[in-house]
């Protein structure tokens, strides 16, 4: 979800996994297809133009064991096509993804979600809790970017057991 240039899906496909990669940005879709071909995984790597799950057929495509999401973590309207990778007005795509993810997960399914502290980290954490996911931090990196301390976090999320 939000495949961008396709790097996460390409790494999965190189390991033998079949990948469905989605992005709302047509330029990202083109780049991911080109990168998959250049890396010799285009036979395992299908890229679709999609607003969140719109291009996913739960019967034909799922359920998924792993979904990777690198959401835009700024909440404003993108001013240009390139900014679609970092801007999500009102966190519409992030919210929709979290609310619908369970519908597309297998029984053992999990989510990997990347997020940065330049976005509303508290909103993500409240959304994850409200949707009933257990959270584990897999990676936490901090760096100074343009004079600001920014944290980048990788979460593994699993549906909470009933």
C-alpha atoms as a PDB file:
ATOM      1  CA  UNK A   1       0.000   0.000   0.000  1.00  0.00           C
ATOM      2  CA  UNK A   2       1.565   3.276  -1.062  1.00  0.00           C
ATOM      3  CA  UNK A   3       4.283   1.384  -2.923  1.00  0.00           C
ATOM      4  CA  UNK A   4       6.089   4.423  -4.283  1.00  0.00           C
ATOM      5  CA  UNK A   5       9.070   3.148  -6.282  1.00  0.00           C
ATOM      6  CA  UNK A   6       8.207  -0.417  -5.195  1.00  0.00           C
ATOM      7  CA  UNK A   7      11.261  -1.191  -3.053  1.00  0.00           C
ATOM      8  CA  UNK A   8       9.429  -3.113  -0.304  1.00  0.00           C
ATOM      9  CA  UNK A   9       7.492  -5.204  -2.813  1.00  0.00           C
ATOM     10  CA  UNK A  10      10.596  -5.845  -4.902  1.00  0.00           C
ATOM     11  CA  UNK A  11      12.434  -7.156  -1.839  1.00  0.00           C
ATOM     12  CA  UNK A  12       9.484  -9.438  -1.027  1.00  0.00           C
ATOM     13  CA  UNK A  13       9.248 -10.674  -4.628  1.00  0.00           C
ATOM     14  CA  UNK A  14      12.994 -11.382  -4.699  1.00  0.00           C
ATOM     15  CA  UNK A  15      12.372 -13.648  -1.708  1.00  0.00           C
ATOM     16  CA  UNK A  16       9.758 -15.600  -3.670  1.00  0.00           C
ATOM     17  CA  UNK A  17       6.581 -13.849  -2.520  1.00  0.00           C
ATOM     18  CA  UNK A  18       3.809 -12.846  -4.910  1.00  0.00           C
ATOM     19  CA  UNK A  19       3.172  -9.112  -4.512  1.00  0.00           C
ATOM     20  CA  UNK A  20       0.234  -6.820  -5.217  1.00  0.00           C
ATOM     21  CA  UNK A  21       1.547  -3.256  -5.011  1.00  0.00           C
ATOM     22  CA  UNK A  22      -0.785  -0.258  -4.877  1.00  0.00           C
ATOM     23  CA  UNK A  23      -0.355   3.484  -5.166  1.00  0.00           C
ATOM     24  CA  UNK A  24      -2.664   6.417  -5.856  1.00  0.00           C
ATOM     25  CA  UNK A  25       0.032   8.263  -7.788  1.00  0.00           C
ATOM     26  CA  UNK A  26       0.270   7.210 -11.471  1.00  0.00           C
ATOM     27  CA  UNK A  27       3.936   8.226 -11.582  1.00  0.00           C
ATOM     28  CA  UNK A  28       4.690   5.933  -8.621  1.00  0.00           C
ATOM     29  CA  UNK A  29       2.856   3.080 -10.355  1.00  0.00           C
ATOM     30  CA  UNK A  30       4.954   3.600 -13.493  1.00  0.00           C
ATOM     31  CA  UNK A  31       8.180   3.770 -11.451  1.00  0.00           C
ATOM     32  CA  UNK A  32       7.326   0.620  -9.463  1.00  0.00           C
ATOM     33  CA  UNK A  33       6.569  -1.327 -12.665  1.00  0.00           C
ATOM     34  CA  UNK A  34       9.836  -0.170 -14.229  1.00  0.00           C
ATOM     35  CA  UNK A  35      11.811  -1.003 -11.077  1.00  0.00           C
ATOM     36  CA  UNK A  36      10.222  -4.465 -10.821  1.00  0.00           C
ATOM     37  CA  UNK A  37      11.160  -5.164 -14.450  1.00  0.00           C
ATOM     38  CA  UNK A  38      14.730  -3.884 -13.910  1.00  0.00           C
ATOM     39  CA  UNK A  39      15.054  -6.133 -10.863  1.00  0.00           C
ATOM     40  CA  UNK A  40      13.711  -9.185 -12.691  1.00  0.00           C
ATOM     41  CA  UNK A  41      10.659  -9.684 -10.445  1.00  0.00           C
ATOM     42  CA  UNK A  42       7.888  -8.375 -12.699  1.00  0.00           C
ATOM     43  CA  UNK A  43       6.493 -11.930 -12.976  1.00  0.00           C
ATOM     44  CA  UNK A  44       5.783 -11.901  -9.190  1.00  0.00           C
ATOM     45  CA  UNK A  45       5.019  -8.196  -8.831  1.00  0.00           C
ATOM     46  CA  UNK A  46       1.691  -6.724  -9.935  1.00  0.00           C
ATOM     47  CA  UNK A  47       1.305  -2.951  -9.618  1.00  0.00           C
ATOM     48  CA  UNK A  48      -2.092  -1.241  -9.637  1.00  0.00           C
ATOM     49  CA  UNK A  49      -3.288   2.336  -9.521  1.00  0.00           C
ATOM     50  CA  UNK A  50      -5.502   2.386  -6.435  1.00  0.00           C
ATOM     51  CA  UNK A  51      -6.926   4.657  -3.783  1.00  0.00           C
ATOM     52  CA  UNK A  52      -6.301   2.485  -0.721  1.00  0.00           C
ATOM     53  CA  UNK A  53      -8.140  -0.841  -1.332  1.00  0.00           C
ATOM     54  CA  UNK A  54     -10.229   0.257  -4.358  1.00  0.00           C
ATOM     55  CA  UNK A  55      -8.307  -1.967  -6.816  1.00  0.00           C
ATOM     56  CA  UNK A  56      -8.191  -4.993  -4.499  1.00  0.00           C
ATOM     57  CA  UNK A  57     -10.610  -7.860  -5.036  1.00  0.00           C
ATOM     58  CA  UNK A  58     -10.804  -9.697  -1.677  1.00  0.00           C
ATOM     59  CA  UNK A  59     -11.862 -12.928  -3.379  1.00  0.00           C
ATOM     60  CA  UNK A  60      -9.213 -12.968  -6.110  1.00  0.00           C
ATOM     61  CA  UNK A  61      -6.344 -11.209  -4.312  1.00  0.00           C
ATOM     62  CA  UNK A  62      -6.586 -12.077  -0.645  1.00  0.00           C
ATOM     63  CA  UNK A  63      -6.439 -12.645   2.081  1.00  0.00           C
ATOM     64  CA  UNK A  64      -2.949 -11.272   2.638  1.00  0.00           C
ATOM     65  CA  UNK A  65      -0.443 -12.586   5.168  1.00  0.00           C
ATOM     66  CA  UNK A  66       1.505  -9.324   5.192  1.00  0.00           C
ATOM     67  CA  UNK A  67       0.558  -5.798   4.204  1.00  0.00           C
ATOM     68  CA  UNK A  68       3.195  -3.078   4.161  1.00  0.00           C
ATOM     69  CA  UNK A  69       2.072   0.544   4.384  1.00  0.00           C
ATOM     70  CA  UNK A  70       4.289   3.589   4.214  1.00  0.00           C
ATOM     71  CA  UNK A  71       1.536   6.195   4.530  1.00  0.00           C
ATOM     72  CA  UNK A  72       1.816   9.871   3.853  1.00  0.00           C
ATOM     73  CA  UNK A  73       2.270  11.322   7.326  1.00  0.00           C
ATOM     74  CA  UNK A  74       1.417  14.945   6.681  1.00  0.00           C
ATOM     75  CA  UNK A  75      -2.263  15.833   6.908  1.00  0.00           C
ATOM     76  CA  UNK A  76      -2.498  18.622   4.316  1.00  0.00           C
ATOM     77  CA  UNK A  77      -3.617  18.689   0.680  1.00  0.00           C
ATOM     78  CA  UNK A  78      -0.783  17.880  -1.740  1.00  0.00           C
ATOM     79  CA  UNK A  79       0.178  20.895  -3.829  1.00  0.00           C
ATOM     80  CA  UNK A  80       1.655  18.780  -6.653  1.00  0.00           C
ATOM     81  CA  UNK A  81       1.740  15.169  -7.839  1.00  0.00           C
ATOM     82  CA  UNK A  82       5.105  14.556  -6.171  1.00  0.00           C
ATOM     83  CA  UNK A  83       3.709  15.639  -2.791  1.00  0.00           C
ATOM     84  CA  UNK A  84       1.096  12.845  -2.874  1.00  0.00           C
ATOM     85  CA  UNK A  85       3.751  10.596  -1.323  1.00  0.00           C
ATOM     86  CA  UNK A  86       3.870  12.706   1.831  1.00  0.00           C
ATOM     87  CA  UNK A  87       0.488  14.450   2.082  1.00  0.00           C
ATOM     88  CA  UNK A  88      -2.877  12.918   3.026  1.00  0.00           C
ATOM     89  CA  UNK A  89      -5.576  15.539   3.670  1.00  0.00           C
ATOM     90  CA  UNK A  90      -7.129  14.884   7.073  1.00  0.00           C
ATOM     91  CA  UNK A  91      -5.415  11.464   7.148  1.00  0.00           C
ATOM     92  CA  UNK A  92      -8.186  10.114   4.921  1.00  0.00           C
ATOM     93  CA  UNK A  93      -6.073   7.327   3.352  1.00  0.00           C
ATOM     94  CA  UNK A  94      -4.412   6.343   6.640  1.00  0.00           C
ATOM     95  CA  UNK A  95      -7.760   6.188   8.432  1.00  0.00           C
ATOM     96  CA  UNK A  96      -9.388   4.184   5.656  1.00  0.00           C
ATOM     97  CA  UNK A  97      -6.477   1.763   5.491  1.00  0.00           C
ATOM     98  CA  UNK A  98      -6.558   1.070   9.232  1.00  0.00           C
ATOM     99  CA  UNK A  99     -10.356   0.643   9.268  1.00  0.00           C
ATOM    100  CA  UNK A 100     -10.395  -1.766   6.302  1.00  0.00           C
ATOM    101  CA  UNK A 101      -7.124  -3.669   6.779  1.00  0.00           C
ATOM    102  CA  UNK A 102      -8.657  -6.520   8.804  1.00  0.00           C
ATOM    103  CA  UNK A 103     -11.019  -7.297   5.913  1.00  0.00           C
ATOM    104  CA  UNK A 104      -7.990  -8.163   3.782  1.00  0.00           C
ATOM    105  CA  UNK A 105      -5.795  -9.991   6.342  1.00  0.00           C
ATOM    106  CA  UNK A 106      -5.448 -13.743   6.705  1.00  0.00           C
ATOM    107  CA  UNK A 107      -5.868 -15.326  10.153  1.00  0.00           C
ATOM    108  CA  UNK A 108      -2.131 -15.029  10.733  1.00  0.00           C
ATOM    109  CA  UNK A 109      -1.901 -11.688   8.933  1.00  0.00           C
ATOM    110  CA  UNK A 110       0.088  -8.702  10.080  1.00  0.00           C
ATOM    111  CA  UNK A 111       0.782  -5.157   9.019  1.00  0.00           C
ATOM    112  CA  UNK A 112       4.087  -3.338   8.778  1.00  0.00           C
ATOM    113  CA  UNK A 113       3.508   0.404   9.048  1.00  0.00           C
ATOM    114  CA  UNK A 114       6.172   3.090   8.761  1.00  0.00           C
ATOM    115  CA  UNK A 115       5.534   6.498  10.295  1.00  0.00           C
ATOM    116  CA  UNK A 116       7.456   9.622  11.207  1.00  0.00           C
ATOM    117  CA  UNK A 117       7.103  12.059  14.083  1.00  0.00           C
ATOM    118  CA  UNK A 118       6.730  14.957  11.655  1.00  0.00           C
ATOM    119  CA  UNK A 119       3.208  13.561  11.270  1.00  0.00           C
ATOM    120  CA  UNK A 120       0.613  13.131  13.998  1.00  0.00           C
ATOM    121  CA  UNK A 121       2.015  10.060  15.713  1.00  0.00           C
ATOM    122  CA  UNK A 122      -0.626  10.262  18.443  1.00  0.00           C
ATOM    123  CA  UNK A 123      -3.397  10.042  15.842  1.00  0.00           C
ATOM    124  CA  UNK A 124      -1.866   6.901  14.356  1.00  0.00           C
ATOM    125  CA  UNK A 125      -1.533   5.314  17.806  1.00  0.00           C
ATOM    126  CA  UNK A 126      -5.174   6.121  18.699  1.00  0.00           C
ATOM    127  CA  UNK A 127      -6.378   4.763  15.352  1.00  0.00           C
ATOM    128  CA  UNK A 128      -4.394   1.544  15.765  1.00  0.00           C
ATOM    129  CA  UNK A 129      -5.801   1.023  19.271  1.00  0.00           C
ATOM    130  CA  UNK A 130      -9.371   1.812  18.167  1.00  0.00           C
ATOM    131  CA  UNK A 131      -9.126  -0.770  15.366  1.00  0.00           C
ATOM    132  CA  UNK A 132      -7.960  -3.447  17.822  1.00  0.00           C
ATOM    133  CA  UNK A 133      -4.372  -4.020  16.737  1.00  0.00           C
ATOM    134  CA  UNK A 134      -1.526  -5.107  18.980  1.00  0.00           C
ATOM    135  CA  UNK A 135       1.531  -2.949  18.373  1.00  0.00           C
ATOM    136  CA  UNK A 136       5.198  -3.852  18.380  1.00  0.00           C
ATOM    137  CA  UNK A 137       7.961  -1.385  17.503  1.00  0.00           C
ATOM    138  CA  UNK A 138      10.428  -3.111  15.164  1.00  0.00           C
ATOM    139  CA  UNK A 139      12.631  -0.116  14.440  1.00  0.00           C
ATOM    140  CA  UNK A 140      13.027   3.362  15.885  1.00  0.00           C
ATOM    141  CA  UNK A 141      15.478   5.823  14.370  1.00  0.00           C
ATOM    142  CA  UNK A 142      15.953   9.491  15.197  1.00  0.00           C
ATOM    143  CA  UNK A 143      17.769  12.083  13.150  1.00  0.00           C
ATOM    144  CA  UNK A 144      17.983  15.813  12.729  1.00  0.00           C
ATOM    145  CA  UNK A 145      16.323  16.998   9.515  1.00  0.00           C
ATOM    146  CA  UNK A 146      16.487  20.723   8.633  1.00  0.00           C
ATOM    147  CA  UNK A 147      17.252  21.507  12.257  1.00  0.00           C
ATOM    148  CA  UNK A 148      14.347  19.440  13.633  1.00  0.00           C
ATOM    149  CA  UNK A 149      14.581  16.172  15.570  1.00  0.00           C
ATOM    150  CA  UNK A 150      12.524  13.613  13.601  1.00  0.00           C
ATOM    151  CA  UNK A 151      11.781  10.019  14.578  1.00  0.00           C
ATOM    152  CA  UNK A 152      11.032   7.240  12.119  1.00  0.00           C
ATOM    153  CA  UNK A 153       9.242   4.190  13.487  1.00  0.00           C
ATOM    154  CA  UNK A 154       8.410   0.807  11.982  1.00  0.00           C
ATOM    155  CA  UNK A 155       5.457  -0.922  13.636  1.00  0.00           C
ATOM    156  CA  UNK A 156       4.298  -4.506  13.336  1.00  0.00           C
ATOM    157  CA  UNK A 157       0.568  -4.665  13.946  1.00  0.00           C
ATOM    158  CA  UNK A 158      -1.501  -7.784  14.544  1.00  0.00           C
ATOM    159  CA  UNK A 159      -5.205  -8.054  15.229  1.00  0.00           C
ATOM    160  CA  UNK A 160      -5.721  -8.309  18.978  1.00  0.00           C
ATOM    161  CA  UNK A 161      -6.895 -11.767  20.036  1.00  0.00           C
ATOM    162  CA  UNK A 162     -10.500 -11.873  21.239  1.00  0.00           C
END
